[in-house]
């Protein structure tokens, strides 16, 4: 059994137990966002006009939306939900109790996938895989309705949220594109609100990446990591940055208007994925993905991955170095910059230069990213002081240099 299978099974089992508890609540069964979307947007006629005859109701819940499609008479509908007790007694459709990120559970191809009030419930690390699985079975059309605000039922029933991925419309659209969907030509008719994002999509070729093992940076390369800290501003080091062999930048980095300070050259983009893109430019084709096997960048690229096992080891080191309370320590994860610098050092890169690594210090400015001119507090998920100590050890060894 592979590592991925073990993770999938445990997470899916946990989600099944949560939802089988929630579906026992009569109040949770009253409203159907799927039914409301069908009525609001005339989806029965829309699906039929697009040649749809077979539909998968992905995360069908009570099955009320499935029943509307079925009762129309033009469609054959099947449903899948992680909870065995979700369907209403009067819903009679082929039904699978299964997990949406499991291709075996989702099953064979259909003309259309209908997925409303579901994706926000999927754990964030499984959103990309879920969408790719649904894309793989979609031949003509997909309709998604995603809630973009926190839920109330989870706290009421489980003392924990049910909406595990609360993101804005732009983030979800990037996820759809990365999974292999494009906007339907008539998508303008599906008006999103402050609380719900709606999208009609058609399947296209998904984002393809070329996977590479090992480390992408040569051990003797002159390498600089350009962080997003505000200390890059005003030092006019852009030309110095561009003189390095390897220039790595992070997540939603920005170049336009900051060239004198951060340069223009980028040889590798370091990203945690989740639809993130640089704010003012296209990323380079070489990508370092920092969270192991789960997820894809938003663009076609050559991808190297930092193993999840290394992430875990580095996290343990930072937690041991942290001076936070026990409650604060358990929240600590390595930042993208710390993770990358540590991984390059472990892979034998002789020296890495750091610029814009402020370790979240707020002594000189409250800014967090150099291109966002407002104040932020220090993050609870990263311990900048612990990361500074770890980088200090590498500096003493001559493996890290601050520019």
Protein backbone atom coordinates (compact mmCIF):
# COMPACT_ATOMS: atom_id res chain seq x y z
CA UNK A 1 0.00 0.00 0.00
CA UNK A 2 1.43 3.38 -1.00
CA UNK A 3 1.92 6.36 1.31
CA UNK A 4 -0.76 8.29 -0.59
CA UNK A 5 -3.30 5.51 -0.09
CA UNK A 6 -2.74 5.48 3.66
CA UNK A 7 -3.26 9.23 3.91
CA UNK A 8 -6.38 9.14 1.74
CA UNK A 9 -8.00 6.37 3.74
CA UNK A 10 -7.48 8.01 7.13
CA UNK A 11 -8.67 11.45 6.02
CA UNK A 12 -11.67 10.03 4.16
CA UNK A 13 -12.64 7.93 7.17
CA UNK A 14 -12.49 10.96 9.44
CA UNK A 15 -14.65 12.99 7.05
CA UNK A 16 -17.18 10.16 6.72
CA UNK A 17 -17.67 9.96 10.48
CA UNK A 18 -18.06 13.74 10.74
CA UNK A 19 -20.73 13.94 8.09
CA UNK A 20 -22.66 10.89 9.16
CA UNK A 21 -22.98 12.65 12.51
CA UNK A 22 -24.06 15.94 10.93
CA UNK A 23 -26.64 14.38 8.61
CA UNK A 24 -28.57 13.12 11.65
CA UNK A 25 -29.45 16.77 12.37
CA UNK A 26 -32.90 17.47 10.84
CA UNK A 27 -32.12 21.16 10.45
CA UNK A 28 -29.05 20.45 8.34
CA UNK A 29 -31.24 18.66 5.79
CA UNK A 30 -33.78 21.45 5.25
CA UNK A 31 -32.03 23.68 2.71
CA UNK A 32 -30.49 22.53 -0.56
CA UNK A 33 -28.15 25.02 -2.27
CA UNK A 34 -28.13 22.66 -5.25
CA UNK A 35 -31.89 22.92 -5.71
CA UNK A 36 -31.69 26.68 -5.34
CA UNK A 37 -28.98 26.88 -8.03
CA UNK A 38 -31.02 24.72 -10.42
CA UNK A 39 -34.02 27.00 -9.99
CA UNK A 40 -32.07 30.27 -10.01
CA UNK A 41 -30.09 29.57 -13.16
CA UNK A 42 -32.46 27.34 -15.11
CA UNK A 43 -29.97 24.49 -15.07
CA UNK A 44 -32.40 21.85 -16.33
CA UNK A 45 -32.69 23.57 -19.69
CA UNK A 46 -29.04 24.68 -19.64
CA UNK A 47 -27.78 21.12 -19.20
CA UNK A 48 -30.15 19.80 -21.88
CA UNK A 49 -29.11 22.55 -24.31
CA UNK A 50 -25.50 21.42 -23.90
CA UNK A 51 -26.32 17.86 -24.87
CA UNK A 52 -26.16 16.46 -21.36
CA UNK A 53 -27.91 13.17 -20.76
CA UNK A 54 -25.93 11.62 -17.89
CA UNK A 55 -25.08 13.51 -14.67
CA UNK A 56 -22.94 12.79 -11.63
CA UNK A 57 -24.15 14.67 -8.56
CA UNK A 58 -20.81 14.92 -6.77
CA UNK A 59 -21.40 15.28 -3.04
CA UNK A 60 -25.12 14.78 -3.52
CA UNK A 61 -26.10 15.06 0.15
CA UNK A 62 -29.84 14.62 0.51
CA UNK A 63 -30.19 14.02 -3.23
CA UNK A 64 -32.84 16.74 -3.64
CA UNK A 65 -30.94 18.24 -6.59
CA UNK A 66 -30.47 14.76 -8.10
CA UNK A 67 -34.21 14.18 -7.85
CA UNK A 68 -34.93 17.42 -9.71
CA UNK A 69 -32.72 16.34 -12.60
CA UNK A 70 -34.18 12.83 -12.57
CA UNK A 71 -37.81 13.97 -12.39
CA UNK A 72 -37.25 16.24 -15.39
CA UNK A 73 -37.06 13.10 -17.51
CA UNK A 74 -34.20 14.20 -19.76
CA UNK A 75 -31.35 12.96 -17.58
CA UNK A 76 -29.95 9.82 -16.00
CA UNK A 77 -28.46 10.73 -12.63
CA UNK A 78 -26.19 9.00 -10.16
CA UNK A 79 -24.89 10.37 -6.87
CA UNK A 80 -21.90 10.01 -4.63
CA UNK A 81 -21.51 11.23 -1.06
CA UNK A 82 -19.11 10.46 1.73
CA UNK A 83 -21.97 9.86 4.20
CA UNK A 84 -24.12 6.74 3.89
CA UNK A 85 -27.08 8.38 5.64
CA UNK A 86 -27.25 11.55 3.52
CA UNK A 87 -29.98 10.64 0.97
CA UNK A 88 -33.62 11.45 1.65
CA UNK A 89 -35.94 8.40 1.70
CA UNK A 90 -37.82 9.49 -1.42
CA UNK A 91 -34.67 9.80 -3.56
CA UNK A 92 -34.16 6.74 -5.73
CA UNK A 93 -30.94 7.09 -7.73
CA UNK A 94 -27.85 4.91 -8.17
CA UNK A 95 -25.76 5.94 -5.17
CA UNK A 96 -22.17 5.37 -4.07
CA UNK A 97 -20.98 6.00 -0.55
CA UNK A 98 -17.49 7.16 -1.39
CA UNK A 99 -14.80 9.81 -1.46
CA UNK A 100 -14.55 12.43 -4.20
CA UNK A 101 -10.77 12.32 -4.38
CA UNK A 102 -10.84 8.58 -5.04
CA UNK A 103 -11.11 7.74 -8.78
CA UNK A 104 -12.38 4.25 -7.94
CA UNK A 105 -15.25 5.69 -5.90
CA UNK A 106 -16.18 8.38 -8.43
CA UNK A 107 -16.38 5.82 -11.21
CA UNK A 108 -17.02 6.08 -14.93
CA UNK A 109 -17.42 9.06 -17.27
CA UNK A 110 -20.60 11.14 -17.48
CA UNK A 111 -21.71 13.98 -19.70
CA UNK A 112 -21.84 16.41 -16.78
CA UNK A 113 -20.75 16.83 -13.18
CA UNK A 114 -22.97 18.83 -10.84
CA UNK A 115 -21.21 19.84 -7.60
CA UNK A 116 -22.90 22.42 -5.40
CA UNK A 117 -22.09 23.32 -1.78
CA UNK A 118 -19.43 20.59 -1.69
CA UNK A 119 -15.91 21.75 -2.58
CA UNK A 120 -15.61 24.08 0.41
CA UNK A 121 -16.05 20.99 2.62
CA UNK A 122 -13.03 19.26 1.05
CA UNK A 123 -9.76 19.55 3.03
CA UNK A 124 -7.57 22.11 1.26
CA UNK A 125 -4.77 19.62 0.58
CA UNK A 126 -7.28 17.48 -1.35
CA UNK A 127 -8.99 20.18 -3.42
CA UNK A 128 -6.62 19.84 -6.37
CA UNK A 129 -6.88 16.06 -6.47
CA UNK A 130 -10.68 16.15 -6.13
CA UNK A 131 -11.05 18.55 -9.04
CA UNK A 132 -8.71 16.51 -11.20
CA UNK A 133 -10.73 13.35 -10.45
CA UNK A 134 -13.97 15.14 -11.38
CA UNK A 135 -12.36 16.56 -14.52
CA UNK A 136 -11.34 13.04 -15.54
CA UNK A 137 -14.99 11.85 -15.62
CA UNK A 138 -16.44 15.00 -17.23
CA UNK A 139 -16.99 14.85 -21.00
CA UNK A 140 -19.21 17.89 -21.75
CA UNK A 141 -20.03 20.17 -18.84
CA UNK A 142 -19.44 20.84 -15.15
CA UNK A 143 -21.28 23.15 -12.79
CA UNK A 144 -19.81 24.17 -9.44
CA UNK A 145 -21.33 26.20 -6.66
CA UNK A 146 -18.88 26.93 -3.86
CA UNK A 147 -19.60 28.74 -0.60
CA UNK A 148 -16.87 31.27 0.16
CA UNK A 149 -17.66 32.03 3.83
CA UNK A 150 -17.40 29.96 7.03
CA UNK A 151 -20.29 27.68 8.00
CA UNK A 152 -22.36 27.70 11.19
CA UNK A 153 -23.41 24.05 11.47
CA UNK A 154 -19.97 22.65 12.17
CA UNK A 155 -19.44 24.73 15.28
CA UNK A 156 -22.98 24.01 16.41
CA UNK A 157 -22.82 20.23 16.05
CA UNK A 158 -19.13 19.26 16.05
CA UNK A 159 -17.45 22.26 17.67
CA UNK A 160 -15.34 22.42 14.51
CA UNK A 161 -15.88 23.94 11.06
CA UNK A 162 -17.36 21.98 8.16
CA UNK A 163 -16.08 24.45 5.58
CA UNK A 164 -12.42 23.42 5.53
CA UNK A 165 -11.46 25.49 2.47
CA UNK A 166 -12.80 29.04 2.69
CA UNK A 167 -11.34 30.91 -0.28
CA UNK A 168 -12.32 33.74 -2.60
CA UNK A 169 -13.69 33.37 -6.11
CA UNK A 170 -10.33 34.05 -7.77
CA UNK A 171 -8.69 31.20 -5.87
CA UNK A 172 -11.38 28.74 -6.91
CA UNK A 173 -11.22 29.81 -10.53
CA UNK A 174 -7.47 29.17 -10.55
CA UNK A 175 -8.12 25.72 -9.10
CA UNK A 176 -10.65 24.91 -11.82
CA UNK A 177 -8.22 25.96 -14.53
CA UNK A 178 -5.34 24.01 -13.02
CA UNK A 179 -7.52 20.88 -12.91
CA UNK A 180 -8.31 21.09 -16.62
CA UNK A 181 -11.48 23.16 -16.88
CA UNK A 182 -12.22 26.33 -18.84
CA UNK A 183 -15.11 28.74 -18.44
CA UNK A 184 -18.21 27.88 -20.46
CA UNK A 185 -18.99 30.57 -23.10
CA UNK A 186 -22.27 31.36 -21.31
CA UNK A 187 -20.72 31.58 -17.87
CA UNK A 188 -21.64 35.27 -17.49
CA UNK A 189 -25.22 34.23 -16.75
CA UNK A 190 -24.09 32.57 -13.50
CA UNK A 191 -23.72 35.54 -11.20
CA UNK A 192 -21.70 34.92 -8.05
CA UNK A 193 -22.48 36.63 -4.75
CA UNK A 194 -20.49 37.61 -1.68
CA UNK A 195 -21.11 34.17 -0.22
CA UNK A 196 -21.27 31.83 -3.24
CA UNK A 197 -19.14 31.40 -6.34
CA UNK A 198 -20.85 29.76 -9.32
CA UNK A 199 -19.10 28.50 -12.42
CA UNK A 200 -20.15 26.61 -15.54
CA UNK A 201 -17.12 24.89 -17.00
CA UNK A 202 -16.08 22.75 -19.92
CA UNK A 203 -13.30 20.15 -19.82
CA UNK A 204 -10.04 21.02 -21.54
CA UNK A 205 -6.56 19.57 -21.35
CA UNK A 206 -5.48 19.82 -17.70
CA UNK A 207 -2.32 21.53 -16.54
CA UNK A 208 0.53 19.13 -17.28
CA UNK A 209 3.80 19.12 -15.45
CA UNK A 210 7.06 17.34 -16.03
CA UNK A 211 8.11 15.80 -12.73
CA UNK A 212 11.83 15.72 -11.85
CA UNK A 213 13.56 13.93 -8.97
CA UNK A 214 16.30 15.35 -6.80
CA UNK A 215 17.40 18.95 -6.39
CA UNK A 216 17.19 21.47 -9.27
CA UNK A 217 20.10 23.65 -8.08
CA UNK A 218 23.69 22.59 -8.80
CA UNK A 219 25.85 22.32 -5.70
CA UNK A 220 28.32 24.94 -7.02
CA UNK A 221 25.68 27.35 -8.35
CA UNK A 222 25.73 30.96 -7.28
CA UNK A 223 22.24 30.92 -5.77
CA UNK A 224 20.04 33.59 -4.18
CA UNK A 225 16.63 33.27 -2.56
CA UNK A 226 14.69 36.52 -2.82
CA UNK A 227 12.18 36.60 0.00
CA UNK A 228 9.13 38.80 0.22
CA UNK A 229 10.17 40.74 3.33
CA UNK A 230 10.11 44.57 3.24
CA UNK A 231 13.85 44.82 3.97
CA UNK A 232 14.48 44.51 0.20
CA UNK A 233 13.16 48.04 -0.32
CA UNK A 234 15.50 50.97 -0.84
CA UNK A 235 18.76 49.02 -1.10
CA UNK A 236 18.96 49.06 -4.91
CA UNK A 237 20.28 45.49 -5.12
CA UNK A 238 18.40 44.56 -8.28
CA UNK A 239 21.46 44.34 -10.52
CA UNK A 240 23.27 42.28 -7.87
CA UNK A 241 20.36 39.83 -7.74
CA UNK A 242 20.35 39.47 -11.52
CA UNK A 243 24.03 38.50 -11.43
CA UNK A 244 23.33 35.20 -9.67
CA UNK A 245 23.12 31.92 -11.59
CA UNK A 246 19.97 30.83 -9.77
CA UNK A 247 17.35 33.33 -8.57
CA UNK A 248 14.48 31.76 -6.63
CA UNK A 249 11.38 33.75 -5.73
CA UNK A 250 8.38 32.80 -3.62
CA UNK A 251 4.63 32.37 -4.01
CA UNK A 252 2.94 35.65 -5.07
CA UNK A 253 6.17 37.61 -5.54
CA UNK A 254 6.04 40.97 -7.37
CA UNK A 255 8.54 42.51 -9.81
CA UNK A 256 6.87 45.45 -11.58
CA UNK A 257 7.86 48.71 -9.95
CA UNK A 258 10.44 47.02 -7.69
CA UNK A 259 13.06 46.10 -10.27
CA UNK A 260 15.76 48.37 -8.79
CA UNK A 261 15.46 46.60 -5.44
CA UNK A 262 14.67 42.98 -6.36
CA UNK A 263 15.88 42.61 -9.94
CA UNK A 264 14.12 41.08 -12.93
CA UNK A 265 15.67 37.63 -13.24
CA UNK A 266 13.82 34.55 -11.96
CA UNK A 267 15.11 31.06 -12.70
CA UNK A 268 12.82 29.13 -10.36
CA UNK A 269 9.46 29.79 -8.70
CA UNK A 270 8.91 28.34 -5.23
CA UNK A 271 5.20 27.85 -4.49
CA UNK A 272 2.77 26.13 -2.16
CA UNK A 273 0.27 25.94 -5.04
CA UNK A 274 -3.44 26.39 -4.26
CA UNK A 275 -3.88 28.64 -7.27
CA UNK A 276 -1.22 31.12 -6.18
CA UNK A 277 0.46 33.13 -8.95
CA UNK A 278 3.03 35.94 -8.97
CA UNK A 279 1.25 39.27 -8.76
CA UNK A 280 2.82 41.14 -11.69
CA UNK A 281 4.48 38.60 -14.00
CA UNK A 282 4.33 35.08 -15.35
CA UNK A 283 6.35 32.55 -13.37
CA UNK A 284 9.33 30.78 -14.95
CA UNK A 285 8.83 27.23 -16.26
CA UNK A 286 10.90 25.71 -13.43
CA UNK A 287 8.93 25.22 -10.21
CA UNK A 288 9.86 24.02 -6.73
CA UNK A 289 6.72 22.73 -5.02
CA UNK A 290 7.17 22.89 -1.26
CA UNK A 291 4.51 20.56 0.12
CA UNK A 292 5.36 17.14 -1.26
CA UNK A 293 3.12 15.15 -3.57
CA UNK A 294 -0.21 16.90 -3.00
CA UNK A 295 -1.13 19.64 -5.44
CA UNK A 296 0.02 21.24 -8.68
CA UNK A 297 1.15 24.71 -9.70
CA UNK A 298 -1.35 26.79 -11.66
CA UNK A 299 0.67 26.64 -14.89
CA UNK A 300 2.43 24.08 -17.07
CA UNK A 301 5.94 23.63 -15.72
CA UNK A 302 8.89 21.45 -14.84
CA UNK A 303 8.36 20.54 -11.21
CA UNK A 304 10.67 19.47 -8.41
CA UNK A 305 9.16 18.74 -4.99
CA UNK A 306 10.42 19.13 -1.44
CA UNK A 307 9.48 15.83 0.22
CA UNK A 308 6.86 15.98 2.94
CA UNK A 309 9.23 13.99 5.16
CA UNK A 310 11.76 16.85 5.05
CA UNK A 311 8.99 19.33 5.88
CA UNK A 312 8.19 17.25 8.95
CA UNK A 313 11.81 17.08 10.11
CA UNK A 314 12.31 20.81 9.69
CA UNK A 315 9.09 21.54 11.51
CA UNK A 316 10.28 19.45 14.48
CA UNK A 317 13.57 21.39 14.56
CA UNK A 318 11.75 24.73 14.58
CA UNK A 319 9.38 23.59 17.31
CA UNK A 320 12.38 22.52 19.41
CA UNK A 321 14.00 25.95 18.90
CA UNK A 322 10.83 27.91 19.60
CA UNK A 323 10.34 29.82 22.82
CA UNK A 324 6.58 30.01 22.44
CA UNK A 325 4.12 28.43 24.82
CA UNK A 326 3.26 24.73 24.27
CA UNK A 327 -0.03 25.83 22.72
CA UNK A 328 1.83 28.09 20.30
CA UNK A 329 4.52 25.57 19.43
CA UNK A 330 2.09 23.01 18.03
CA UNK A 331 0.91 25.56 15.42
CA UNK A 332 4.38 26.18 14.00
CA UNK A 333 5.18 25.18 10.42
CA UNK A 334 8.23 26.20 8.36
CA UNK A 335 7.85 29.17 6.03
CA UNK A 336 8.48 28.75 2.32
CA UNK A 337 11.83 30.52 2.53
CA UNK A 338 13.11 28.59 5.54
CA UNK A 339 11.98 25.31 4.01
CA UNK A 340 13.73 26.03 0.72
CA UNK A 341 16.99 27.23 2.25
CA UNK A 342 17.14 24.20 4.55
CA UNK A 343 16.36 21.77 1.74
CA UNK A 344 18.99 23.20 -0.60
CA UNK A 345 21.57 22.96 2.17
CA UNK A 346 20.62 19.33 2.86
CA UNK A 347 21.01 18.57 -0.85
CA UNK A 348 24.58 19.81 -0.90
CA UNK A 349 24.26 23.31 -2.36
CA UNK A 350 27.45 24.83 -0.96
CA UNK A 351 26.16 28.33 -0.26
CA UNK A 352 22.79 30.07 -0.51
CA UNK A 353 22.42 33.86 -0.37
CA UNK A 354 19.30 35.26 1.29
CA UNK A 355 17.63 38.60 0.54
CA UNK A 356 14.34 39.77 2.02
CA UNK A 357 14.44 37.18 4.80
CA UNK A 358 13.15 39.33 7.66
CA UNK A 359 11.90 36.39 9.72
CA UNK A 360 8.64 38.28 10.19
CA UNK A 361 10.30 40.94 12.32
CA UNK A 362 8.20 44.05 12.88
CA UNK A 363 10.95 46.18 14.42
CA UNK A 364 11.42 48.49 11.42
CA UNK A 365 8.08 48.18 9.65
CA UNK A 366 4.78 46.43 10.10
CA UNK A 367 4.75 45.30 6.48
CA UNK A 368 4.66 41.60 5.66
CA UNK A 369 5.23 41.60 1.89
CA UNK A 370 7.28 44.37 0.28
CA UNK A 371 4.55 45.11 -2.27
CA UNK A 372 1.70 45.44 0.27
CA UNK A 373 1.98 48.80 2.03
CA UNK A 374 0.08 48.04 5.22
CA UNK A 375 0.80 46.53 8.61
CA UNK A 376 0.37 42.91 9.67
CA UNK A 377 0.89 41.08 12.93
CA UNK A 378 3.42 38.30 13.23
CA UNK A 379 1.97 35.02 11.93
CA UNK A 380 1.00 32.33 14.42
CA UNK A 381 1.85 29.53 11.96
CA UNK A 382 5.48 30.61 11.52
CA UNK A 383 8.01 31.40 14.26
CA UNK A 384 10.43 33.90 12.76
CA UNK A 385 12.68 33.86 15.82
CA UNK A 386 13.10 30.08 15.59
CA UNK A 387 13.75 30.33 11.86
CA UNK A 388 16.39 33.03 12.46
CA UNK A 389 18.15 30.69 14.90
CA UNK A 390 18.09 27.85 12.37
CA UNK A 391 19.41 30.09 9.58
CA UNK A 392 22.04 31.36 12.02
CA UNK A 393 23.34 27.81 12.42
CA UNK A 394 23.66 27.50 8.64
CA UNK A 395 25.33 30.91 8.49
CA UNK A 396 27.94 29.79 11.04
CA UNK A 397 28.63 26.77 8.82
CA UNK A 398 29.09 29.04 5.81
CA UNK A 399 26.08 27.52 4.06
CA UNK A 400 23.95 30.68 4.23
CA UNK A 401 24.86 34.33 3.61
CA UNK A 402 22.55 37.30 4.16
CA UNK A 403 22.78 40.00 1.48
